[in-house]
Amino acid sequence: MDKQPSTRQLKVAREIQRDLAEIIRGKGMAVFEGAMVTVSEVRISPDLSIAKVYVSIFPSEKQGVVMGILKDNMKALRGELGRKVGKQLRIVPELAFYLDTSIDYAEHIEELLKK
């Protein structure tokens, strides 16, 4: 069973979510081939060394392409994040991007309910 995240983990995760969202928004939709990318959640490891970043991508047809772009630019994104949170955090966590499929799931349920 997973342990509840500490207050520090939650605060750091919120800060990283806010800063990464700002960095991604700053890059603009052109970088992500016209897709809208939203950082929906960040979960951070207890030692604050790994941040699991959950992103939702609209339209969903572009998910594969955008996930590839994010993975290819992981080092650069981590560097930008480091410049933003460097004063608060001793180590900038490694970033791992995951697709947040909750929106797709909700749309799927909505479609099923319409039938």
PDB file of N, CA and C in Angstrom:
ATOM      1  N   MET A   1       0.839  -1.202   0.000  1.00  0.00           N
ATOM      2  CA  MET A   1       0.000   0.000   0.000  1.00  0.00           C
ATOM      3  C   MET A   1       0.876   1.255   0.000  1.00  0.00           C
ATOM      4  N   ASP A   2       0.494   2.245  -0.817  1.00  0.00           N
ATOM      5  CA  ASP A   2       1.275   3.474  -0.909  1.00  0.00           C
ATOM      6  C   ASP A   2       1.139   4.308   0.356  1.00  0.00           C
ATOM      7  N   LYS A   3       2.276   4.866   0.758  1.00  0.00           N
ATOM      8  CA  LYS A   3       2.277   5.786   1.883  1.00  0.00           C
ATOM      9  C   LYS A   3       1.756   7.134   1.413  1.00  0.00           C
ATOM     10  N   GLN A   4       1.060   7.833   2.272  1.00  0.00           N
ATOM     11  CA  GLN A   4       0.589   9.172   1.914  1.00  0.00           C
ATOM     12  C   GLN A   4       1.792  10.093   1.738  1.00  0.00           C
ATOM     13  N   PRO A   5       1.759  10.954   0.711  1.00  0.00           N
ATOM     14  CA  PRO A   5       2.886  11.874   0.531  1.00  0.00           C
ATOM     15  C   PRO A   5       2.968  12.876   1.680  1.00  0.00           C
ATOM     16  N   SER A   6       4.194  13.255   2.032  1.00  0.00           N
ATOM     17  CA  SER A   6       4.390  14.214   3.119  1.00  0.00           C
ATOM     18  C   SER A   6       3.957  15.608   2.659  1.00  0.00           C
ATOM     19  N   THR A   7       3.825  16.505   3.611  1.00  0.00           N
ATOM     20  CA  THR A   7       3.457  17.887   3.299  1.00  0.00           C
ATOM     21  C   THR A   7       4.501  18.499   2.380  1.00  0.00           C
ATOM     22  N   ARG A   8       5.765  18.212   2.651  1.00  0.00           N
ATOM     23  CA  ARG A   8       6.850  18.746   1.806  1.00  0.00           C
ATOM     24  C   ARG A   8       6.723  18.217   0.376  1.00  0.00           C
ATOM     25  N   GLN A   9       6.460  16.914   0.235  1.00  0.00           N
ATOM     26  CA  GLN A   9       6.286  16.342  -1.104  1.00  0.00           C
ATOM     27  C   GLN A   9       5.158  17.052  -1.850  1.00  0.00           C
ATOM     28  N   LEU A  10       4.039  17.269  -1.149  1.00  0.00           N
ATOM     29  CA  LEU A  10       2.889  17.914  -1.782  1.00  0.00           C
ATOM     30  C   LEU A  10       3.224  19.341  -2.208  1.00  0.00           C
ATOM     31  N   LYS A  11       3.933  20.082  -1.337  1.00  0.00           N
ATOM     32  CA  LYS A  11       4.297  21.466  -1.657  1.00  0.00           C
ATOM     33  C   LYS A  11       5.242  21.521  -2.846  1.00  0.00           C
ATOM     34  N   VAL A  12       6.247  20.641  -2.843  1.00  0.00           N
ATOM     35  CA  VAL A  12       7.214  20.616  -3.940  1.00  0.00           C
ATOM     36  C   VAL A  12       6.512  20.214  -5.236  1.00  0.00           C
ATOM     37  N   ALA A  13       5.635  19.215  -5.160  1.00  0.00           N
ATOM     38  CA  ALA A  13       4.899  18.756  -6.348  1.00  0.00           C
ATOM     39  C   ALA A  13       4.051  19.886  -6.924  1.00  0.00           C
ATOM     40  N   ARG A  14       3.369  20.639  -6.048  1.00  0.00           N
ATOM     41  CA  ARG A  14       2.538  21.771  -6.508  1.00  0.00           C
ATOM     42  C   ARG A  14       3.394  22.833  -7.193  1.00  0.00           C
ATOM     43  N   GLU A  15       4.543  23.133  -6.594  1.00  0.00           N
ATOM     44  CA  GLU A  15       5.451  24.137  -7.154  1.00  0.00           C
ATOM     45  C   GLU A  15       5.954  23.700  -8.531  1.00  0.00           C
ATOM     46  N   ILE A  16       6.353  22.432  -8.641  1.00  0.00           N
ATOM     47  CA  ILE A  16       6.854  21.906  -9.909  1.00  0.00           C
ATOM     48  C   ILE A  16       5.734  21.919 -10.950  1.00  0.00           C
ATOM     49  N   GLN A  17       4.530  21.544 -10.538  1.00  0.00           N
ATOM     50  CA  GLN A  17       3.392  21.550 -11.466  1.00  0.00           C
ATOM     51  C   GLN A  17       3.164  22.961 -12.012  1.00  0.00           C
ATOM     52  N   ARG A  18       3.165  23.930 -11.120  1.00  0.00           N
ATOM     53  CA  ARG A  18       2.920  25.324 -11.516  1.00  0.00           C
ATOM     54  C   ARG A  18       4.031  25.799 -12.475  1.00  0.00           C
ATOM     55  N   ASP A  19       5.288  25.545 -12.117  1.00  0.00           N
ATOM     56  CA  ASP A  19       6.403  26.026 -12.920  1.00  0.00           C
ATOM     57  C   ASP A  19       6.484  25.322 -14.270  1.00  0.00           C
ATOM     58  N   LEU A  20       6.282  24.006 -14.281  1.00  0.00           N
ATOM     59  CA  LEU A  20       6.332  23.269 -15.549  1.00  0.00           C
ATOM     60  C   LEU A  20       5.201  23.704 -16.476  1.00  0.00           C
ATOM     61  N   ALA A  21       4.017  23.935 -15.906  1.00  0.00           N
ATOM     62  CA  ALA A  21       2.876  24.394 -16.706  1.00  0.00           C
ATOM     63  C   ALA A  21       3.225  25.723 -17.368  1.00  0.00           C
ATOM     64  N   GLU A  22       3.880  26.598 -16.604  1.00  0.00           N
ATOM     65  CA  GLU A  22       4.282  27.911 -17.118  1.00  0.00           C
ATOM     66  C   GLU A  22       5.321  27.752 -18.238  1.00  0.00           C
ATOM     67  N   ILE A  23       6.299  26.866 -18.037  1.00  0.00           N
ATOM     68  CA  ILE A  23       7.344  26.621 -19.039  1.00  0.00           C
ATOM     69  C   ILE A  23       6.710  26.090 -20.325  1.00  0.00           C
ATOM     70  N   ILE A  24       5.826  25.100 -20.199  1.00  0.00           N
ATOM     71  CA  ILE A  24       5.194  24.491 -21.373  1.00  0.00           C
ATOM     72  C   ILE A  24       4.294  25.501 -22.084  1.00  0.00           C
ATOM     73  N   ARG A  25       3.541  26.272 -21.294  1.00  0.00           N
ATOM     74  CA  ARG A  25       2.670  27.300 -21.884  1.00  0.00           C
ATOM     75  C   ARG A  25       3.523  28.329 -22.636  1.00  0.00           C
ATOM     76  N   GLY A  26       4.680  28.668 -22.071  1.00  0.00           N
ATOM     77  CA  GLY A  26       5.580  29.647 -22.679  1.00  0.00           C
ATOM     78  C   GLY A  26       6.126  29.186 -24.020  1.00  0.00           C
ATOM     79  N   LYS A  27       6.256  27.887 -24.203  1.00  0.00           N
ATOM     80  CA  LYS A  27       6.771  27.346 -25.465  1.00  0.00           C
ATOM     81  C   LYS A  27       5.749  27.499 -26.582  1.00  0.00           C
ATOM     82  N   GLY A  28       4.491  27.529 -26.217  1.00  0.00           N
ATOM     83  CA  GLY A  28       3.440  27.730 -27.205  1.00  0.00           C
ATOM     84  C   GLY A  28       3.029  26.436 -27.888  1.00  0.00           C
ATOM     85  N   MET A  29       1.858  26.478 -28.493  1.00  0.00           N
ATOM     86  CA  MET A  29       1.289  25.283 -29.121  1.00  0.00           C
ATOM     87  C   MET A  29       2.069  24.853 -30.353  1.00  0.00           C
ATOM     88  N   ALA A  30       2.783  25.776 -30.997  1.00  0.00           N
ATOM     89  CA  ALA A  30       3.530  25.450 -32.212  1.00  0.00           C
ATOM     90  C   ALA A  30       4.573  24.362 -31.939  1.00  0.00           C
ATOM     91  N   VAL A  31       5.224  24.445 -30.788  1.00  0.00           N
ATOM     92  CA  VAL A  31       6.241  23.450 -30.415  1.00  0.00           C
ATOM     93  C   VAL A  31       5.620  22.058 -30.330  1.00  0.00           C
ATOM     94  N   PHE A  32       4.377  22.015 -29.873  1.00  0.00           N
ATOM     95  CA  PHE A  32       3.690  20.731 -29.682  1.00  0.00           C
ATOM     96  C   PHE A  32       2.735  20.431 -30.834  1.00  0.00           C
ATOM     97  N   GLU A  33       3.078  20.917 -32.019  1.00  0.00           N
ATOM     98  CA  GLU A  33       2.315  20.662 -33.243  1.00  0.00           C
ATOM     99  C   GLU A  33       0.829  21.014 -33.109  1.00  0.00           C
ATOM    100  N   GLY A  34       0.544  22.130 -32.462  1.00  0.00           N
ATOM    101  CA  GLY A  34      -0.820  22.612 -32.357  1.00  0.00           C
ATOM    102  C   GLY A  34      -1.641  21.981 -31.251  1.00  0.00           C
ATOM    103  N   ALA A  35      -1.025  21.092 -30.462  1.00  0.00           N
ATOM    104  CA  ALA A  35      -1.771  20.445 -29.374  1.00  0.00           C
ATOM    105  C   ALA A  35      -1.706  21.313 -28.119  1.00  0.00           C
ATOM    106  N   MET A  36      -2.745  21.216 -27.318  1.00  0.00           N
ATOM    107  CA  MET A  36      -2.767  21.905 -26.041  1.00  0.00           C
ATOM    108  C   MET A  36      -2.287  20.920 -24.972  1.00  0.00           C
ATOM    109  N   VAL A  37      -1.243  21.309 -24.240  1.00  0.00           N
ATOM    110  CA  VAL A  37      -0.650  20.431 -23.230  1.00  0.00           C
ATOM    111  C   VAL A  37      -0.906  21.033 -21.857  1.00  0.00           C
ATOM    112  N   THR A  38      -1.483  20.235 -20.965  1.00  0.00           N
ATOM    113  CA  THR A  38      -1.776  20.678 -19.615  1.00  0.00           C
ATOM    114  C   THR A  38      -1.088  19.755 -18.625  1.00  0.00           C
ATOM    115  N   VAL A  39      -0.390  20.338 -17.658  1.00  0.00           N
ATOM    116  CA  VAL A  39       0.214  19.537 -16.593  1.00  0.00           C
ATOM    117  C   VAL A  39      -0.886  19.323 -15.559  1.00  0.00           C
ATOM    118  N   SER A  40      -1.441  18.099 -15.525  1.00  0.00           N
ATOM    119  CA  SER A  40      -2.596  17.856 -14.667  1.00  0.00           C
ATOM    120  C   SER A  40      -2.217  17.446 -13.251  1.00  0.00           C
ATOM    121  N   GLU A  41      -1.050  16.833 -13.102  1.00  0.00           N
ATOM    122  CA  GLU A  41      -0.644  16.406 -11.762  1.00  0.00           C
ATOM    123  C   GLU A  41       0.849  16.129 -11.750  1.00  0.00           C
ATOM    124  N   VAL A  42       1.464  16.334 -10.588  1.00  0.00           N
ATOM    125  CA  VAL A  42       2.866  15.950 -10.388  1.00  0.00           C
ATOM    126  C   VAL A  42       2.923  15.165  -9.089  1.00  0.00           C
ATOM    127  N   ARG A  43       3.556  13.994  -9.161  1.00  0.00           N
ATOM    128  CA  ARG A  43       3.791  13.204  -7.946  1.00  0.00           C
ATOM    129  C   ARG A  43       5.290  13.093  -7.775  1.00  0.00           C
ATOM    130  N   ILE A  44       5.745  13.373  -6.566  1.00  0.00           N
ATOM    131  CA  ILE A  44       7.191  13.382  -6.343  1.00  0.00           C
ATOM    132  C   ILE A  44       7.587  12.288  -5.365  1.00  0.00           C
ATOM    133  N   SER A  45       8.752  11.690  -5.602  1.00  0.00           N
ATOM    134  CA  SER A  45       9.221  10.600  -4.740  1.00  0.00           C
ATOM    135  C   SER A  45       9.562  11.155  -3.353  1.00  0.00           C
ATOM    136  N   PRO A  46       9.544  10.296  -2.322  1.00  0.00           N
ATOM    137  CA  PRO A  46       9.823  10.764  -0.958  1.00  0.00           C
ATOM    138  C   PRO A  46      11.162  11.496  -0.813  1.00  0.00           C
ATOM    139  N   ASP A  47      12.178  11.096  -1.595  1.00  0.00           N
ATOM    140  CA  ASP A  47      13.472  11.786  -1.512  1.00  0.00           C
ATOM    141  C   ASP A  47      13.565  12.987  -2.464  1.00  0.00           C
ATOM    142  N   LEU A  48      12.448  13.322  -3.100  1.00  0.00           N
ATOM    143  CA  LEU A  48      12.327  14.477  -3.999  1.00  0.00           C
ATOM    144  C   LEU A  48      13.245  14.388  -5.223  1.00  0.00           C
ATOM    145  N   SER A  49      13.665  13.182  -5.601  1.00  0.00           N
ATOM    146  CA  SER A  49      14.607  13.057  -6.718  1.00  0.00           C
ATOM    147  C   SER A  49      13.915  12.753  -8.044  1.00  0.00           C
ATOM    148  N   ILE A  50      12.685  12.258  -8.000  1.00  0.00           N
ATOM    149  CA  ILE A  50      11.969  11.913  -9.227  1.00  0.00           C
ATOM    150  C   ILE A  50      10.576  12.529  -9.190  1.00  0.00           C
ATOM    151  N   ALA A  51      10.246  13.236 -10.260  1.00  0.00           N
ATOM    152  CA  ALA A  51       8.908  13.820 -10.376  1.00  0.00           C
ATOM    153  C   ALA A  51       8.190  13.136 -11.530  1.00  0.00           C
ATOM    154  N   LYS A  52       7.060  12.504 -11.216  1.00  0.00           N
ATOM    155  CA  LYS A  52       6.211  11.930 -12.257  1.00  0.00           C
ATOM    156  C   LYS A  52       5.250  13.035 -12.677  1.00  0.00           C
ATOM    157  N   VAL A  53       5.367  13.439 -13.931  1.00  0.00           N
ATOM    158  CA  VAL A  53       4.571  14.550 -14.445  1.00  0.00           C
ATOM    159  C   VAL A  53       3.482  13.981 -15.345  1.00  0.00           C
ATOM    160  N   TYR A  54       2.235  14.190 -14.944  1.00  0.00           N
ATOM    161  CA  TYR A  54       1.094  13.703 -15.728  1.00  0.00           C
ATOM    162  C   TYR A  54       0.577  14.845 -16.581  1.00  0.00           C
ATOM    163  N   VAL A  55       0.512  14.609 -17.891  1.00  0.00           N
ATOM    164  CA  VAL A  55       0.050  15.645 -18.812  1.00  0.00           C
ATOM    165  C   VAL A  55      -1.181  15.163 -19.568  1.00  0.00           C
ATOM    166  N   SER A  56      -2.094  16.086 -19.796  1.00  0.00           N
ATOM    167  CA  SER A  56      -3.222  15.746 -20.674  1.00  0.00           C
ATOM    168  C   SER A  56      -3.011  16.542 -21.959  1.00  0.00           C
ATOM    169  N   ILE A  57      -3.332  15.902 -23.062  1.00  0.00           N
ATOM    170  CA  ILE A  57      -3.050  16.464 -24.373  1.00  0.00           C
ATOM    171  C   ILE A  57      -4.342  16.493 -25.184  1.00  0.00           C
ATOM    172  N   PHE A  58      -4.622  17.673 -25.750  1.00  0.00           N
ATOM    173  CA  PHE A  58      -5.816  17.833 -26.570  1.00  0.00           C
ATOM    174  C   PHE A  58      -5.396  18.406 -27.908  1.00  0.00           C
ATOM    175  N   PRO A  59      -5.789  17.906 -29.026  1.00  0.00           N
ATOM    176  CA  PRO A  59      -6.653  16.734 -29.216  1.00  0.00           C
ATOM    177  C   PRO A  59      -5.880  15.434 -28.958  1.00  0.00           C
ATOM    178  N   SER A  60      -6.600  14.412 -28.564  1.00  0.00           N
ATOM    179  CA  SER A  60      -5.954  13.165 -28.162  1.00  0.00           C
ATOM    180  C   SER A  60      -5.224  12.458 -29.310  1.00  0.00           C
ATOM    181  N   GLU A  61      -5.539  12.799 -30.571  1.00  0.00           N
ATOM    182  CA  GLU A  61      -4.836  12.176 -31.703  1.00  0.00           C
ATOM    183  C   GLU A  61      -3.350  12.535 -31.687  1.00  0.00           C
ATOM    184  N   LYS A  62      -3.015  13.638 -31.038  1.00  0.00           N
ATOM    185  CA  LYS A  62      -1.621  14.110 -31.037  1.00  0.00           C
ATOM    186  C   LYS A  62      -0.829  13.581 -29.842  1.00  0.00           C
ATOM    187  N   GLN A  63      -1.443  12.735 -29.018  1.00  0.00           N
ATOM    188  CA  GLN A  63      -0.781  12.295 -27.785  1.00  0.00           C
ATOM    189  C   GLN A  63       0.595  11.678 -28.026  1.00  0.00           C
ATOM    190  N   GLY A  64       0.685  10.767 -28.994  1.00  0.00           N
ATOM    191  CA  GLY A  64       1.954  10.089 -29.267  1.00  0.00           C
ATOM    192  C   GLY A  64       3.051  11.061 -29.663  1.00  0.00           C
ATOM    193  N   VAL A  65       2.715  11.974 -30.564  1.00  0.00           N
ATOM    194  CA  VAL A  65       3.686  12.955 -31.053  1.00  0.00           C
ATOM    195  C   VAL A  65       4.153  13.855 -29.909  1.00  0.00           C
ATOM    196  N   VAL A  66       3.201  14.368 -29.130  1.00  0.00           N
ATOM    197  CA  VAL A  66       3.532  15.299 -28.053  1.00  0.00           C
ATOM    198  C   VAL A  66       4.344  14.603 -26.961  1.00  0.00           C
ATOM    199  N   MET A  67       3.985  13.367 -26.619  1.00  0.00           N
ATOM    200  CA  MET A  67       4.764  12.637 -25.612  1.00  0.00           C
ATOM    201  C   MET A  67       6.205  12.462 -26.096  1.00  0.00           C
ATOM    202  N   GLY A  68       6.377  12.217 -27.392  1.00  0.00           N
ATOM    203  CA  GLY A  68       7.716  12.114 -27.971  1.00  0.00           C
ATOM    204  C   GLY A  68       8.488  13.418 -27.838  1.00  0.00           C
ATOM    205  N   ILE A  69       7.818  14.531 -28.116  1.00  0.00           N
ATOM    206  CA  ILE A  69       8.451  15.851 -28.011  1.00  0.00           C
ATOM    207  C   ILE A  69       8.864  16.105 -26.561  1.00  0.00           C
ATOM    208  N   LEU A  70       7.966  15.797 -25.613  1.00  0.00           N
ATOM    209  CA  LEU A  70       8.284  16.006 -24.199  1.00  0.00           C
ATOM    210  C   LEU A  70       9.481  15.160 -23.781  1.00  0.00           C
ATOM    211  N   LYS A  71       9.476  13.898 -24.183  1.00  0.00           N
ATOM    212  CA  LYS A  71      10.586  13.004 -23.814  1.00  0.00           C
ATOM    213  C   LYS A  71      11.906  13.461 -24.447  1.00  0.00           C
ATOM    214  N   ASP A  72      11.848  13.924 -25.701  1.00  0.00           N
ATOM    215  CA  ASP A  72      13.057  14.412 -26.375  1.00  0.00           C
ATOM    216  C   ASP A  72      13.610  15.681 -25.723  1.00  0.00           C
ATOM    217  N   ASN A  73      12.741  16.469 -25.131  1.00  0.00           N
ATOM    218  CA  ASN A  73      13.156  17.745 -24.532  1.00  0.00           C
ATOM    219  C   ASN A  73      13.238  17.695 -23.012  1.00  0.00           C
ATOM    220  N   MET A  74      13.255  16.480 -22.448  1.00  0.00           N
ATOM    221  CA  MET A  74      13.245  16.324 -20.988  1.00  0.00           C
ATOM    222  C   MET A  74      14.399  17.067 -20.306  1.00  0.00           C
ATOM    223  N   LYS A  75      15.601  16.939 -20.854  1.00  0.00           N
ATOM    224  CA  LYS A  75      16.773  17.595 -20.244  1.00  0.00           C
ATOM    225  C   LYS A  75      16.630  19.114 -20.256  1.00  0.00           C
ATOM    226  N   ALA A  76      16.168  19.642 -21.384  1.00  0.00           N
ATOM    227  CA  ALA A  76      15.994  21.095 -21.508  1.00  0.00           C
ATOM    228  C   ALA A  76      14.909  21.585 -20.547  1.00  0.00           C
ATOM    229  N   LEU A  77      13.799  20.833 -20.461  1.00  0.00           N
ATOM    230  CA  LEU A  77      12.711  21.210 -19.548  1.00  0.00           C
ATOM    231  C   LEU A  77      13.199  21.175 -18.099  1.00  0.00           C
ATOM    232  N   ARG A  78      13.989  20.145 -17.770  1.00  0.00           N
ATOM    233  CA  ARG A  78      14.524  20.028 -16.404  1.00  0.00           C
ATOM    234  C   ARG A  78      15.459  21.202 -16.117  1.00  0.00           C
ATOM    235  N   GLY A  79      16.237  21.606 -17.121  1.00  0.00           N
ATOM    236  CA  GLY A  79      17.139  22.747 -16.964  1.00  0.00           C
ATOM    237  C   GLY A  79      16.368  24.029 -16.690  1.00  0.00           C
ATOM    238  N   GLU A  80      15.300  24.244 -17.465  1.00  0.00           N
ATOM    239  CA  GLU A  80      14.465  25.439 -17.253  1.00  0.00           C
ATOM    240  C   GLU A  80      13.806  25.397 -15.881  1.00  0.00           C
ATOM    241  N   LEU A  81      13.347  24.210 -15.510  1.00  0.00           N
ATOM    242  CA  LEU A  81      12.726  24.053 -14.194  1.00  0.00           C
ATOM    243  C   LEU A  81      13.753  24.369 -13.109  1.00  0.00           C
ATOM    244  N   GLY A  82      14.978  23.909 -13.305  1.00  0.00           N
ATOM    245  CA  GLY A  82      16.061  24.160 -12.347  1.00  0.00           C
ATOM    246  C   GLY A  82      16.295  25.640 -12.127  1.00  0.00           C
ATOM    247  N   ARG A  83      16.208  26.412 -13.225  1.00  0.00           N
ATOM    248  CA  ARG A  83      16.400  27.858 -13.085  1.00  0.00           C
ATOM    249  C   ARG A  83      15.263  28.483 -12.279  1.00  0.00           C
ATOM    250  N   LYS A  84      14.069  27.904 -12.370  1.00  0.00           N
ATOM    251  CA  LYS A  84      12.922  28.445 -11.636  1.00  0.00           C
ATOM    252  C   LYS A  84      12.928  28.034 -10.158  1.00  0.00           C
ATOM    253  N   VAL A  85      13.239  26.759  -9.892  1.00  0.00           N
ATOM    254  CA  VAL A  85      13.122  26.252  -8.504  1.00  0.00           C
ATOM    255  C   VAL A  85      14.469  26.099  -7.808  1.00  0.00           C
ATOM    256  N   GLY A  86      15.541  26.490  -8.500  1.00  0.00           N
ATOM    257  CA  GLY A  86      16.888  26.329  -7.954  1.00  0.00           C
ATOM    258  C   GLY A  86      17.078  26.945  -6.577  1.00  0.00           C
ATOM    259  N   LYS A  87      16.371  28.025  -6.318  1.00  0.00           N
ATOM    260  CA  LYS A  87      16.511  28.689  -5.015  1.00  0.00           C
ATOM    261  C   LYS A  87      15.823  27.903  -3.895  1.00  0.00           C
ATOM    262  N   GLN A  88      14.725  27.181  -4.258  1.00  0.00           N
ATOM    263  CA  GLN A  88      13.968  26.450  -3.238  1.00  0.00           C
ATOM    264  C   GLN A  88      14.453  25.014  -3.051  1.00  0.00           C
ATOM    265  N   LEU A  89      14.962  24.403  -4.130  1.00  0.00           N
ATOM    266  CA  LEU A  89      15.324  22.977  -4.056  1.00  0.00           C
ATOM    267  C   LEU A  89      16.812  22.784  -4.263  1.00  0.00           C
ATOM    268  N   ARG A  90      17.380  21.903  -3.462  1.00  0.00           N
ATOM    269  CA  ARG A  90      18.793  21.584  -3.590  1.00  0.00           C
ATOM    270  C   ARG A  90      19.039  20.798  -4.873  1.00  0.00           C
ATOM    271  N   ILE A  91      18.194  19.795  -5.123  1.00  0.00           N
ATOM    272  CA  ILE A  91      18.327  19.001  -6.342  1.00  0.00           C
ATOM    273  C   ILE A  91      17.055  19.197  -7.165  1.00  0.00           C
ATOM    274  N   VAL A  92      17.229  19.356  -8.445  1.00  0.00           N
ATOM    275  CA  VAL A  92      16.076  19.425  -9.339  1.00  0.00           C
ATOM    276  C   VAL A  92      15.745  17.978  -9.698  1.00  0.00           C
ATOM    277  N   PRO A  93      14.509  17.560  -9.436  1.00  0.00           N
ATOM    278  CA  PRO A  93      14.161  16.151  -9.671  1.00  0.00           C
ATOM    279  C   PRO A  93      14.245  15.753 -11.145  1.00  0.00           C
ATOM    280  N   GLU A  94      14.534  14.478 -11.363  1.00  0.00           N
ATOM    281  CA  GLU A  94      14.447  13.904 -12.709  1.00  0.00           C
ATOM    282  C   GLU A  94      12.977  13.949 -13.100  1.00  0.00           C
ATOM    283  N   LEU A  95      12.702  14.239 -14.361  1.00  0.00           N
ATOM    284  CA  LEU A  95      11.314  14.302 -14.811  1.00  0.00           C
ATOM    285  C   LEU A  95      10.959  13.029 -15.569  1.00  0.00           C
ATOM    286  N   ALA A  96       9.783  12.510 -15.295  1.00  0.00           N
ATOM    287  CA  ALA A  96       9.256  11.371 -16.053  1.00  0.00           C
ATOM    288  C   ALA A  96       7.836  11.761 -16.473  1.00  0.00           C
ATOM    289  N   PHE A  97       7.595  11.784 -17.783  1.00  0.00           N
ATOM    290  CA  PHE A  97       6.288  12.211 -18.292  1.00  0.00           C
ATOM    291  C   PHE A  97       5.372  11.020 -18.500  1.00  0.00           C
ATOM    292  N   TYR A  98       4.138  11.175 -18.056  1.00  0.00           N
ATOM    293  CA  TYR A  98       3.109  10.151 -18.228  1.00  0.00           C
ATOM    294  C   TYR A  98       1.872  10.815 -18.797  1.00  0.00           C
ATOM    295  N   LEU A  99       1.153  10.058 -19.571  1.00  0.00           N
ATOM    296  CA  LEU A  99      -0.069  10.562 -20.173  1.00  0.00           C
ATOM    297  C   LEU A  99      -1.207  10.433 -19.166  1.00  0.00           C
ATOM    298  N   ASP A 100      -1.891  11.533 -18.912  1.00  0.00           N
ATOM    299  CA  ASP A 100      -3.065  11.503 -18.039  1.00  0.00           C
ATOM    300  C   ASP A 100      -4.262  11.194 -18.930  1.00  0.00           C
ATOM    301  N   THR A 101      -4.803  10.008 -18.764  1.00  0.00           N
ATOM    302  CA  THR A 101      -5.897   9.580 -19.644  1.00  0.00           C
ATOM    303  C   THR A 101      -7.270   9.787 -19.008  1.00  0.00           C
ATOM    304  N   SER A 102      -7.333  10.474 -17.894  1.00  0.00           N
ATOM    305  CA  SER A 102      -8.623  10.630 -17.209  1.00  0.00           C
ATOM    306  C   SER A 102      -9.638  11.392 -18.067  1.00  0.00           C
ATOM    307  N   ILE A 103      -9.174  12.339 -18.884  1.00  0.00           N
ATOM    308  CA  ILE A 103     -10.101  13.092 -19.742  1.00  0.00           C
ATOM    309  C   ILE A 103     -10.683  12.165 -20.801  1.00  0.00           C
ATOM    310  N   ASP A 104      -9.804  11.350 -21.429  1.00  0.00           N
ATOM    311  CA  ASP A 104     -10.280  10.387 -22.424  1.00  0.00           C
ATOM    312  C   ASP A 104     -11.274   9.422 -21.799  1.00  0.00           C
ATOM    313  N   TYR A 105     -10.965   8.989 -20.587  1.00  0.00           N
ATOM    314  CA  TYR A 105     -11.827   8.056 -19.871  1.00  0.00           C
ATOM    315  C   TYR A 105     -13.199   8.709 -19.623  1.00  0.00           C
ATOM    316  N   ALA A 106     -13.185   9.955 -19.191  1.00  0.00           N
ATOM    317  CA  ALA A 106     -14.436  10.672 -18.931  1.00  0.00           C
ATOM    318  C   ALA A 106     -15.251  10.821 -20.217  1.00  0.00           C
ATOM    319  N   GLU A 107     -14.565  11.145 -21.326  1.00  0.00           N
ATOM    320  CA  GLU A 107     -15.260  11.278 -22.615  1.00  0.00           C
ATOM    321  C   GLU A 107     -15.861   9.939 -23.040  1.00  0.00           C
ATOM    322  N   HIS A 108     -15.111   8.869 -22.808  1.00  0.00           N
ATOM    323  CA  HIS A 108     -15.577   7.521 -23.164  1.00  0.00           C
ATOM    324  C   HIS A 108     -16.851   7.177 -22.369  1.00  0.00           C
ATOM    325  N   ILE A 109     -16.830   7.466 -21.080  1.00  0.00           N
ATOM    326  CA  ILE A 109     -17.994   7.197 -20.225  1.00  0.00           C
ATOM    327  C   ILE A 109     -19.185   8.021 -20.708  1.00  0.00           C
ATOM    328  N   GLU A 110     -18.914   9.309 -21.046  1.00  0.00           N
ATOM    329  CA  GLU A 110     -19.980  10.184 -21.531  1.00  0.00           C
ATOM    330  C   GLU A 110     -20.621   9.610 -22.806  1.00  0.00           C
ATOM    331  N   GLU A 111     -19.766   9.119 -23.714  1.00  0.00           N
ATOM    332  CA  GLU A 111     -20.261   8.500 -24.949  1.00  0.00           C
ATOM    333  C   GLU A 111     -21.124   7.284 -24.640  1.00  0.00           C
ATOM    334  N   LEU A 112     -20.663   6.465 -23.712  1.00  0.00           N
ATOM    335  CA  LEU A 112     -21.430   5.246 -23.332  1.00  0.00           C
ATOM    336  C   LEU A 112     -22.776   5.621 -22.728  1.00  0.00           C
ATOM    337  N   LEU A 113     -22.799   6.683 -21.936  1.00  0.00           N
ATOM    338  CA  LEU A 113     -24.050   7.106 -21.291  1.00  0.00           C
ATOM    339  C   LEU A 113     -25.049   7.669 -22.293  1.00  0.00           C
ATOM    340  N   LYS A 114     -24.552   8.221 -23.395  1.00  0.00           N
ATOM    341  CA  LYS A 114     -25.431   8.800 -24.413  1.00  0.00           C
ATOM    342  C   LYS A 114     -26.187   7.714 -25.177  1.00  0.00           C
ATOM    343  N   LYS A 115     -25.617   6.504 -25.231  1.00  0.00           N
ATOM    344  CA  LYS A 115     -26.214   5.410 -26.020  1.00  0.00           C
ATOM    345  C   LYS A 115     -27.476   4.887 -25.396  1.00  0.00           C
TER     346      LYS A 115
END
